[in-house]
Structure formats: structure tokens, C-alpha cells
N, C-alpha and C. Protein backbone atom coordinates (compact mmCIF):
# COMPACT_ATOMS: atom_id res chain seq x y z
N MET A 1 34.06 -40.80 -20.86
CA MET A 1 32.73 -41.14 -21.25
C MET A 1 31.84 -41.32 -20.03
N LYS A 2 32.37 -42.05 -19.05
CA LYS A 2 31.61 -42.30 -17.84
C LYS A 2 31.34 -40.98 -17.12
N LYS A 3 32.34 -40.10 -17.11
CA LYS A 3 32.20 -38.82 -16.46
C LYS A 3 31.09 -37.99 -17.12
N GLU A 4 31.07 -38.03 -18.46
CA GLU A 4 30.05 -37.31 -19.22
C GLU A 4 28.66 -37.88 -18.93
N LYS A 5 28.54 -39.17 -18.81
CA LYS A 5 27.27 -39.83 -18.51
C LYS A 5 26.80 -39.47 -17.10
N ASP A 6 27.72 -39.41 -16.14
CA ASP A 6 27.39 -39.02 -14.76
C ASP A 6 26.86 -37.59 -14.72
N ILE A 7 27.46 -36.70 -15.51
CA ILE A 7 27.00 -35.31 -15.56
C ILE A 7 25.58 -35.24 -16.11
N LYS A 8 25.29 -36.01 -17.17
CA LYS A 8 23.95 -36.02 -17.76
C LYS A 8 22.92 -36.55 -16.76
N VAL A 9 23.26 -37.57 -16.02
CA VAL A 9 22.36 -38.14 -15.02
C VAL A 9 22.10 -37.11 -13.92
N LYS A 10 23.15 -36.44 -13.48
CA LYS A 10 23.01 -35.43 -12.43
C LYS A 10 22.14 -34.26 -12.92
N ARG A 11 22.34 -33.84 -14.17
CA ARG A 11 21.53 -32.75 -14.73
C ARG A 11 20.06 -33.15 -14.79
N LYS A 12 19.82 -34.37 -15.23
CA LYS A 12 18.45 -34.89 -15.33
C LYS A 12 17.80 -34.91 -13.95
N ALA A 13 18.54 -35.40 -12.96
CA ALA A 13 18.03 -35.47 -11.59
C ALA A 13 17.75 -34.06 -11.07
N ALA A 14 18.65 -33.12 -11.35
CA ALA A 14 18.46 -31.73 -10.90
C ALA A 14 17.23 -31.12 -11.56
N LEU A 15 17.02 -31.37 -12.84
CA LEU A 15 15.84 -30.87 -13.54
C LEU A 15 14.55 -31.47 -12.98
N ILE A 16 14.58 -32.73 -12.64
CA ILE A 16 13.40 -33.39 -12.06
C ILE A 16 13.10 -32.77 -10.70
N VAL A 17 14.13 -32.57 -9.88
CA VAL A 17 13.94 -31.95 -8.56
C VAL A 17 13.39 -30.54 -8.72
N LEU A 18 13.94 -29.78 -9.65
CA LEU A 18 13.48 -28.42 -9.91
C LEU A 18 12.02 -28.41 -10.36
N ALA A 19 11.65 -29.32 -11.24
CA ALA A 19 10.27 -29.42 -11.72
C ALA A 19 9.32 -29.75 -10.56
N VAL A 20 9.73 -30.67 -9.71
CA VAL A 20 8.90 -31.04 -8.55
C VAL A 20 8.74 -29.83 -7.62
N LEU A 21 9.82 -29.10 -7.36
CA LEU A 21 9.74 -27.91 -6.51
C LEU A 21 8.80 -26.87 -7.09
N ILE A 22 8.84 -26.66 -8.40
CA ILE A 22 7.95 -25.69 -9.04
C ILE A 22 6.50 -26.13 -8.88
N VAL A 23 6.21 -27.39 -9.11
CA VAL A 23 4.85 -27.90 -8.98
C VAL A 23 4.37 -27.79 -7.54
N VAL A 24 5.20 -28.18 -6.58
CA VAL A 24 4.83 -28.10 -5.16
C VAL A 24 4.60 -26.64 -4.76
N SER A 25 5.45 -25.75 -5.20
CA SER A 25 5.32 -24.34 -4.88
C SER A 25 4.01 -23.77 -5.44
N ALA A 26 3.70 -24.10 -6.67
CA ALA A 26 2.45 -23.62 -7.29
C ALA A 26 1.23 -24.19 -6.56
N ALA A 27 1.29 -25.45 -6.20
CA ALA A 27 0.18 -26.08 -5.47
C ALA A 27 0.00 -25.42 -4.10
N ALA A 28 1.09 -25.14 -3.42
CA ALA A 28 1.01 -24.50 -2.11
C ALA A 28 0.40 -23.12 -2.24
N GLU A 29 0.77 -22.37 -3.26
CA GLU A 29 0.21 -21.03 -3.49
C GLU A 29 -1.30 -21.12 -3.72
N LEU A 30 -1.74 -22.09 -4.49
CA LEU A 30 -3.18 -22.27 -4.72
C LEU A 30 -3.92 -22.61 -3.43
N ILE A 31 -3.34 -23.46 -2.63
CA ILE A 31 -3.97 -23.85 -1.36
C ILE A 31 -4.06 -22.64 -0.43
N ILE A 32 -3.00 -21.87 -0.34
CA ILE A 32 -2.99 -20.70 0.54
C ILE A 32 -4.04 -19.69 0.07
N ASN A 33 -4.08 -19.39 -1.21
CA ASN A 33 -5.01 -18.38 -1.71
C ASN A 33 -6.45 -18.87 -1.73
N ALA A 34 -6.66 -20.17 -1.79
CA ALA A 34 -8.02 -20.70 -1.79
C ALA A 34 -8.72 -20.41 -0.47
N GLY A 35 -7.98 -20.36 0.62
CA GLY A 35 -8.57 -20.11 1.93
C GLY A 35 -8.77 -18.64 2.26
N LYS A 36 -8.22 -17.76 1.44
CA LYS A 36 -8.33 -16.34 1.73
C LYS A 36 -9.67 -15.80 1.25
N GLU A 37 -10.27 -14.98 2.09
CA GLU A 37 -11.45 -14.25 1.68
C GLU A 37 -11.01 -12.82 1.48
N ASP A 38 -11.76 -12.09 0.67
CA ASP A 38 -11.43 -10.68 0.49
C ASP A 38 -11.56 -9.98 1.83
N VAL A 39 -10.54 -9.25 2.19
CA VAL A 39 -10.57 -8.55 3.47
C VAL A 39 -10.77 -7.06 3.24
N ALA A 40 -11.34 -6.43 4.25
CA ALA A 40 -11.55 -4.98 4.22
C ALA A 40 -10.99 -4.41 5.51
N ASN A 41 -9.99 -3.59 5.38
CA ASN A 41 -9.45 -2.89 6.54
C ASN A 41 -10.31 -1.65 6.75
N VAL A 42 -11.03 -1.62 7.86
CA VAL A 42 -11.89 -0.49 8.16
C VAL A 42 -11.50 0.08 9.51
N HIS A 43 -11.95 1.29 9.76
CA HIS A 43 -11.77 1.92 11.07
C HIS A 43 -13.16 2.20 11.63
N ILE A 44 -13.29 2.06 12.94
CA ILE A 44 -14.57 2.31 13.58
C ILE A 44 -14.34 3.09 14.86
N GLN A 45 -15.31 3.93 15.19
CA GLN A 45 -15.25 4.76 16.39
C GLN A 45 -16.67 4.94 16.90
N ILE A 46 -16.81 5.09 18.22
CA ILE A 46 -18.11 5.35 18.83
C ILE A 46 -18.00 6.66 19.61
N ARG A 47 -18.92 7.59 19.31
CA ARG A 47 -18.84 8.92 19.90
C ARG A 47 -20.17 9.35 20.50
N CYS A 48 -20.07 10.10 21.56
CA CYS A 48 -21.24 10.74 22.15
C CYS A 48 -20.85 12.16 22.55
N ASP A 49 -20.06 12.80 21.70
CA ASP A 49 -19.54 14.13 22.02
C ASP A 49 -20.63 15.20 22.07
N LYS A 50 -21.71 15.03 21.33
CA LYS A 50 -22.81 16.00 21.39
C LYS A 50 -23.44 15.99 22.78
N VAL A 51 -23.52 14.82 23.38
CA VAL A 51 -24.05 14.70 24.74
C VAL A 51 -23.05 15.30 25.74
N ALA A 52 -21.77 15.03 25.53
CA ALA A 52 -20.73 15.58 26.42
C ALA A 52 -20.74 17.11 26.37
N GLU A 53 -21.03 17.68 25.20
CA GLU A 53 -21.08 19.13 25.06
C GLU A 53 -22.33 19.73 25.70
N ALA A 54 -23.40 18.93 25.80
CA ALA A 54 -24.68 19.44 26.32
C ALA A 54 -25.31 18.43 27.28
N PRO A 55 -24.65 18.14 28.41
CA PRO A 55 -25.17 17.12 29.33
C PRO A 55 -26.55 17.48 29.90
N GLU A 56 -26.92 18.74 29.86
CA GLU A 56 -28.23 19.14 30.36
C GLU A 56 -29.37 18.57 29.51
N THR A 57 -29.05 18.06 28.33
CA THR A 57 -30.08 17.47 27.47
C THR A 57 -30.48 16.06 27.92
N LEU A 58 -29.69 15.46 28.78
CA LEU A 58 -30.01 14.11 29.26
C LEU A 58 -31.32 14.11 30.05
N VAL A 59 -32.24 13.24 29.65
CA VAL A 59 -33.51 13.12 30.35
C VAL A 59 -33.28 12.62 31.77
N ASP A 60 -32.33 11.71 31.94
CA ASP A 60 -31.96 11.19 33.26
C ASP A 60 -30.55 11.71 33.59
N PRO A 61 -30.45 12.73 34.46
CA PRO A 61 -29.14 13.31 34.79
C PRO A 61 -28.14 12.30 35.35
N ALA A 62 -28.61 11.18 35.88
CA ALA A 62 -27.70 10.16 36.43
C ALA A 62 -26.83 9.54 35.33
N LEU A 63 -27.26 9.63 34.08
CA LEU A 63 -26.47 9.08 32.98
C LEU A 63 -25.20 9.88 32.71
N GLU A 64 -25.14 11.09 33.20
CA GLU A 64 -23.99 11.95 32.92
C GLU A 64 -22.68 11.31 33.37
N GLU A 65 -22.72 10.53 34.44
CA GLU A 65 -21.48 9.91 34.91
C GLU A 65 -20.92 8.88 33.92
N TYR A 66 -21.74 8.42 32.98
CA TYR A 66 -21.29 7.43 31.99
C TYR A 66 -20.83 8.07 30.69
N ILE A 67 -20.94 9.36 30.58
CA ILE A 67 -20.56 10.06 29.36
C ILE A 67 -19.10 10.50 29.49
N PRO A 68 -18.22 10.02 28.62
CA PRO A 68 -16.81 10.44 28.69
C PRO A 68 -16.70 11.96 28.49
N GLU A 69 -15.79 12.56 29.20
CA GLU A 69 -15.61 14.01 29.14
C GLU A 69 -15.37 14.51 27.71
N ASP A 70 -14.57 13.75 26.96
CA ASP A 70 -14.28 14.16 25.59
C ASP A 70 -15.30 13.63 24.58
N GLY A 71 -16.25 12.85 25.07
CA GLY A 71 -17.30 12.34 24.19
C GLY A 71 -16.90 11.13 23.35
N ILE A 72 -15.70 10.63 23.53
CA ILE A 72 -15.24 9.47 22.76
C ILE A 72 -15.52 8.22 23.58
N ALA A 73 -16.56 7.49 23.21
CA ALA A 73 -16.93 6.28 23.94
C ALA A 73 -15.98 5.13 23.59
N MET A 74 -15.52 5.09 22.34
CA MET A 74 -14.52 4.11 21.92
C MET A 74 -13.66 4.78 20.86
N ALA A 75 -12.37 4.88 21.15
CA ALA A 75 -11.44 5.54 20.24
C ALA A 75 -11.39 4.80 18.91
N ARG A 76 -11.02 5.52 17.88
CA ARG A 76 -10.91 4.97 16.52
C ARG A 76 -9.95 3.79 16.54
N LEU A 77 -10.42 2.67 16.01
CA LEU A 77 -9.54 1.51 15.91
C LEU A 77 -9.72 0.81 14.60
N LYS A 78 -8.68 0.10 14.22
CA LYS A 78 -8.69 -0.63 12.96
C LYS A 78 -9.34 -1.99 13.19
N TYR A 79 -10.14 -2.38 12.22
CA TYR A 79 -10.79 -3.68 12.28
C TYR A 79 -10.64 -4.34 10.92
N ILE A 80 -10.23 -5.60 10.92
CA ILE A 80 -10.10 -6.33 9.67
C ILE A 80 -11.37 -7.14 9.48
N ALA A 81 -12.17 -6.70 8.54
CA ALA A 81 -13.46 -7.33 8.26
C ALA A 81 -13.35 -8.12 6.97
N LYS A 82 -14.41 -8.86 6.68
CA LYS A 82 -14.52 -9.47 5.36
C LYS A 82 -15.22 -8.46 4.46
N GLU A 83 -14.76 -8.34 3.25
CA GLU A 83 -15.41 -7.47 2.29
C GLU A 83 -16.89 -7.85 2.24
N GLY A 84 -17.76 -6.89 2.45
CA GLY A 84 -19.20 -7.17 2.43
C GLY A 84 -19.82 -7.37 3.80
N ASP A 85 -19.00 -7.39 4.87
CA ASP A 85 -19.58 -7.40 6.22
C ASP A 85 -20.42 -6.14 6.37
N SER A 86 -21.42 -6.20 7.22
CA SER A 86 -22.26 -5.02 7.43
C SER A 86 -21.71 -4.15 8.55
N VAL A 87 -22.11 -2.90 8.53
CA VAL A 87 -21.74 -1.96 9.59
C VAL A 87 -22.24 -2.49 10.93
N LEU A 88 -23.42 -3.11 10.94
CA LEU A 88 -23.97 -3.66 12.17
C LEU A 88 -23.12 -4.83 12.69
N GLU A 89 -22.73 -5.74 11.81
CA GLU A 89 -21.90 -6.88 12.23
C GLU A 89 -20.60 -6.40 12.87
N ILE A 90 -19.99 -5.40 12.27
CA ILE A 90 -18.73 -4.89 12.79
C ILE A 90 -18.94 -4.23 14.15
N LEU A 91 -20.00 -3.42 14.27
CA LEU A 91 -20.30 -2.79 15.56
C LEU A 91 -20.50 -3.85 16.63
N GLU A 92 -21.29 -4.87 16.33
CA GLU A 92 -21.57 -5.91 17.33
C GLU A 92 -20.31 -6.67 17.72
N LYS A 93 -19.45 -6.98 16.76
CA LYS A 93 -18.20 -7.70 17.08
C LYS A 93 -17.28 -6.84 17.93
N ILE A 94 -17.10 -5.58 17.52
CA ILE A 94 -16.22 -4.68 18.26
C ILE A 94 -16.74 -4.47 19.68
N CYS A 95 -18.04 -4.23 19.80
CA CYS A 95 -18.61 -3.99 21.13
C CYS A 95 -18.54 -5.25 21.99
N SER A 96 -18.80 -6.39 21.41
CA SER A 96 -18.70 -7.64 22.16
C SER A 96 -17.29 -7.84 22.69
N ASN A 97 -16.30 -7.57 21.86
CA ASN A 97 -14.90 -7.71 22.27
C ASN A 97 -14.48 -6.71 23.33
N ASN A 98 -15.23 -5.61 23.46
CA ASN A 98 -14.88 -4.56 24.42
C ASN A 98 -15.91 -4.44 25.54
N ASN A 99 -16.72 -5.48 25.72
CA ASN A 99 -17.74 -5.51 26.78
C ASN A 99 -18.66 -4.29 26.77
N ILE A 100 -19.08 -3.89 25.57
CA ILE A 100 -20.03 -2.79 25.41
C ILE A 100 -21.33 -3.41 24.90
N GLU A 101 -22.40 -3.13 25.60
CA GLU A 101 -23.70 -3.69 25.22
C GLU A 101 -24.28 -2.96 24.01
N VAL A 102 -24.83 -3.74 23.08
CA VAL A 102 -25.54 -3.20 21.92
C VAL A 102 -26.91 -3.86 21.88
N LYS A 103 -27.95 -3.04 21.75
CA LYS A 103 -29.31 -3.57 21.60
C LYS A 103 -29.90 -3.01 20.32
N LYS A 104 -30.69 -3.84 19.65
CA LYS A 104 -31.38 -3.43 18.42
C LYS A 104 -32.88 -3.49 18.66
N ASP A 105 -33.62 -2.73 17.86
CA ASP A 105 -35.07 -2.83 17.92
C ASP A 105 -35.54 -3.90 16.95
N LYS A 106 -36.84 -4.07 16.81
CA LYS A 106 -37.41 -5.13 15.94
C LYS A 106 -37.03 -4.96 14.48
N GLU A 107 -36.79 -3.72 14.07
CA GLU A 107 -36.44 -3.46 12.66
C GLU A 107 -34.94 -3.60 12.39
N GLY A 108 -34.15 -3.89 13.42
CA GLY A 108 -32.72 -4.05 13.24
C GLY A 108 -31.94 -2.76 13.37
N LEU A 109 -32.59 -1.71 13.85
CA LEU A 109 -31.88 -0.44 14.07
C LEU A 109 -31.26 -0.46 15.46
N VAL A 110 -30.11 0.17 15.59
CA VAL A 110 -29.42 0.19 16.88
C VAL A 110 -30.21 1.09 17.82
N GLU A 111 -30.54 0.53 18.96
CA GLU A 111 -31.34 1.23 19.96
C GLU A 111 -30.48 1.71 21.14
N THR A 112 -29.49 0.90 21.50
CA THR A 112 -28.64 1.21 22.65
C THR A 112 -27.20 0.80 22.35
N ILE A 113 -26.27 1.67 22.72
CA ILE A 113 -24.84 1.33 22.75
C ILE A 113 -24.36 1.78 24.12
N GLY A 114 -23.84 0.83 24.88
CA GLY A 114 -23.39 1.16 26.23
C GLY A 114 -24.56 1.60 27.08
N TYR A 115 -24.43 2.78 27.69
CA TYR A 115 -25.47 3.28 28.59
C TYR A 115 -26.46 4.22 27.91
N LEU A 116 -26.19 4.61 26.66
CA LEU A 116 -27.07 5.55 25.98
C LEU A 116 -28.04 4.83 25.05
N LYS A 117 -29.31 5.16 25.18
CA LYS A 117 -30.31 4.58 24.29
C LYS A 117 -31.07 5.70 23.59
N ASN A 118 -31.64 5.36 22.48
CA ASN A 118 -32.41 6.32 21.70
C ASN A 118 -33.43 7.00 22.62
N GLY A 119 -33.51 8.32 22.52
CA GLY A 119 -34.45 9.09 23.32
C GLY A 119 -33.88 9.61 24.63
N ASP A 120 -32.67 9.23 25.00
CA ASP A 120 -32.10 9.66 26.28
C ASP A 120 -31.84 11.17 26.36
N CYS A 121 -31.83 11.84 25.23
CA CYS A 121 -31.64 13.30 25.22
C CYS A 121 -32.79 13.99 24.48
N GLY A 122 -33.95 13.41 24.55
CA GLY A 122 -35.11 13.99 23.89
C GLY A 122 -35.56 13.18 22.70
N GLU A 123 -36.65 13.63 22.14
CA GLU A 123 -37.35 12.91 21.07
C GLU A 123 -36.49 12.60 19.85
N ASN A 124 -35.64 13.52 19.43
CA ASN A 124 -34.84 13.33 18.21
C ASN A 124 -33.47 12.73 18.46
N SER A 125 -33.19 12.36 19.69
CA SER A 125 -31.86 11.80 19.99
C SER A 125 -31.86 10.31 19.69
N ARG A 126 -30.79 9.88 19.05
CA ARG A 126 -30.66 8.46 18.69
C ARG A 126 -29.24 8.17 18.24
N TRP A 127 -28.97 6.88 18.11
CA TRP A 127 -27.70 6.45 17.53
C TRP A 127 -27.82 6.50 16.02
N ALA A 128 -26.81 7.04 15.38
CA ALA A 128 -26.75 7.10 13.92
C ALA A 128 -25.31 6.80 13.53
N TYR A 129 -25.11 6.55 12.26
CA TYR A 129 -23.74 6.26 11.82
C TYR A 129 -23.42 6.95 10.51
N THR A 130 -22.12 7.19 10.35
CA THR A 130 -21.62 7.72 9.08
C THR A 130 -20.61 6.71 8.53
N VAL A 131 -20.51 6.70 7.22
CA VAL A 131 -19.46 5.93 6.54
C VAL A 131 -18.74 6.94 5.66
N ASN A 132 -17.45 7.06 5.91
CA ASN A 132 -16.61 8.02 5.18
C ASN A 132 -17.17 9.43 5.26
N GLY A 133 -17.70 9.79 6.45
CA GLY A 133 -18.19 11.14 6.70
C GLY A 133 -19.60 11.42 6.22
N GLU A 134 -20.23 10.44 5.62
CA GLU A 134 -21.58 10.63 5.09
C GLU A 134 -22.60 9.93 5.99
N LEU A 135 -23.59 10.71 6.47
CA LEU A 135 -24.65 10.14 7.29
C LEU A 135 -25.43 9.13 6.45
N ARG A 136 -25.60 7.94 6.99
CA ARG A 136 -26.30 6.87 6.26
C ARG A 136 -27.66 6.63 6.89
N GLU A 137 -28.64 6.45 6.07
CA GLU A 137 -30.01 6.24 6.55
C GLU A 137 -30.47 4.79 6.44
N GLU A 138 -29.76 3.97 5.62
CA GLU A 138 -30.20 2.58 5.51
C GLU A 138 -29.89 1.82 6.79
N LYS A 139 -30.60 0.74 6.97
CA LYS A 139 -30.36 -0.08 8.16
C LYS A 139 -28.89 -0.49 8.18
N PRO A 140 -28.28 -0.50 9.35
CA PRO A 140 -26.85 -0.84 9.41
C PRO A 140 -26.55 -2.26 8.94
N ALA A 141 -27.54 -3.14 9.01
CA ALA A 141 -27.32 -4.51 8.51
C ALA A 141 -27.27 -4.53 6.99
N ASP A 142 -27.83 -3.50 6.34
CA ASP A 142 -27.85 -3.44 4.88
C ASP A 142 -26.66 -2.67 4.31
N CYS A 143 -25.92 -1.98 5.15
CA CYS A 143 -24.78 -1.18 4.70
C CYS A 143 -23.52 -2.04 4.76
N LYS A 144 -23.02 -2.42 3.61
CA LYS A 144 -21.84 -3.29 3.52
C LYS A 144 -20.57 -2.47 3.40
N VAL A 145 -19.51 -2.93 4.04
CA VAL A 145 -18.24 -2.19 4.04
C VAL A 145 -17.34 -2.63 2.90
N THR A 146 -16.46 -1.72 2.54
CA THR A 146 -15.40 -2.02 1.58
C THR A 146 -14.09 -1.56 2.21
N ASP A 147 -13.00 -1.99 1.62
CA ASP A 147 -11.69 -1.67 2.15
C ASP A 147 -11.50 -0.16 2.28
N GLY A 148 -11.01 0.27 3.44
CA GLY A 148 -10.70 1.67 3.68
C GLY A 148 -11.83 2.48 4.29
N ASP A 149 -12.99 1.87 4.51
CA ASP A 149 -14.12 2.62 5.06
C ASP A 149 -13.84 3.11 6.48
N GLU A 150 -14.35 4.29 6.78
CA GLU A 150 -14.29 4.91 8.10
C GLU A 150 -15.72 4.93 8.64
N ILE A 151 -15.97 4.18 9.70
CA ILE A 151 -17.30 4.10 10.29
C ILE A 151 -17.28 4.85 11.62
N VAL A 152 -18.25 5.73 11.80
CA VAL A 152 -18.39 6.44 13.07
C VAL A 152 -19.84 6.28 13.52
N TRP A 153 -19.99 5.71 14.71
CA TRP A 153 -21.29 5.67 15.37
C TRP A 153 -21.33 6.86 16.30
N ALA A 154 -22.36 7.66 16.18
CA ALA A 154 -22.45 8.87 17.00
C ALA A 154 -23.87 9.02 17.54
N PHE A 155 -23.95 9.53 18.75
CA PHE A 155 -25.25 9.79 19.35
C PHE A 155 -25.66 11.20 18.95
N THR A 156 -26.72 11.29 18.18
CA THR A 156 -27.19 12.57 17.67
C THR A 156 -28.28 13.13 18.57
N LEU A 157 -28.27 14.43 18.74
CA LEU A 157 -29.32 15.10 19.51
C LEU A 157 -30.42 15.63 18.60
N ASP A 158 -30.13 15.63 17.28
CA ASP A 158 -31.03 16.28 16.33
C ASP A 158 -31.30 15.39 15.11
N GLY A 159 -31.60 14.14 15.32
CA GLY A 159 -31.94 13.24 14.23
C GLY A 159 -30.86 13.04 13.19
N GLY A 160 -29.63 13.33 13.54
CA GLY A 160 -28.50 13.12 12.62
C GLY A 160 -27.98 14.41 12.01
N MET A 161 -28.73 15.50 12.13
CA MET A 161 -28.33 16.76 11.53
C MET A 161 -27.06 17.33 12.16
N ASP A 162 -26.76 16.93 13.38
CA ASP A 162 -25.61 17.48 14.09
C ASP A 162 -24.36 16.59 14.01
N ILE A 163 -24.40 15.54 13.19
CA ILE A 163 -23.23 14.65 13.14
C ILE A 163 -22.63 14.49 11.76
N GLU A 164 -23.03 15.29 10.80
CA GLU A 164 -22.41 15.21 9.48
C GLU A 164 -20.90 15.38 9.59
N ASN A 165 -20.17 14.64 8.82
CA ASN A 165 -18.71 14.75 8.74
C ASN A 165 -18.01 14.55 10.08
N VAL A 166 -18.49 13.63 10.89
CA VAL A 166 -17.79 13.34 12.15
C VAL A 166 -16.71 12.32 11.93
């Protein structure tokens, strides 16, 4: 009889411990997930290959020494953003982390990345960007990223017409 009572007590204790573990585990999962924000894995690259292909277009020939031979100013890299971060925020963070200067004009458009600024290769030359191969015309601060986006900043010699699908 005593043995049977001891077994019942042990079972009860085991069930209580199991119940506590389940509750603690569920609470821990809620705490962990409460701190998570939606993340977006994106890739970003900075290119000036059109300038590298036609260095004679540079208004100031001294800038040629700053143009990479292959035109890749920053190789494609993965960036973990928050879902809804802007293309501009990501560019500024990436460039800041890599000691690359970024300047914007009063309207929030990118004016300079590194040593190249809008107009350095003539009137229609400027920084432009694509998302998933599509040239975007909205301000980069208004263009929000989603998971899997491919962002390419490219220096265009022809108002963006020469950088489709980069």
C-alpha cells in the first residue's frame, strides 16, 4: 500500500514538474519572439562600370584613378535589414560601415557616393538604383525593401537608360 502511495506521489510530482516546464518553455518562446522584428535579407552592390568602360566621359580626368578597373565600387554583399527599411537607409548604413561617403541633395536624392557625384560625366550622369533589376524613379527614402530584394546602385551616364537589369 505504501509503495503504491509513493508511486502516486512521484507521478503527481512528475506531472507538476512537466506542467511547469511546459509553461516556462511557452513563456520563453513568447519572450524571444516578442523581441523579433521582421527581417529582410537583401543584397546590395555599388557599381560604376559605365564610367570604367568610358573614362573619357569624366569631366575631371583626375577622378579616373578612383574608378575601379572592373567598375565594381562595392561587391555584392548580403545585408540583414528590417522589413520596410528604405533603400537609402541601407545604402547609408553599408557605406558608413565601409568608410564610403554618401551625400544627398535637399530633396533626399543621392548626390555623391565615394568620389563620384552627379554630373561628373556630363549633364545626364547621376547615381541611380535598381531593385530586382528594375530602375526605380522614386526617392530612395520612399522605396522600402522586402525579403530577397537585390539592390544595385549604379552611376549612369544616360539618366538611367544604360543601367537597366544591372
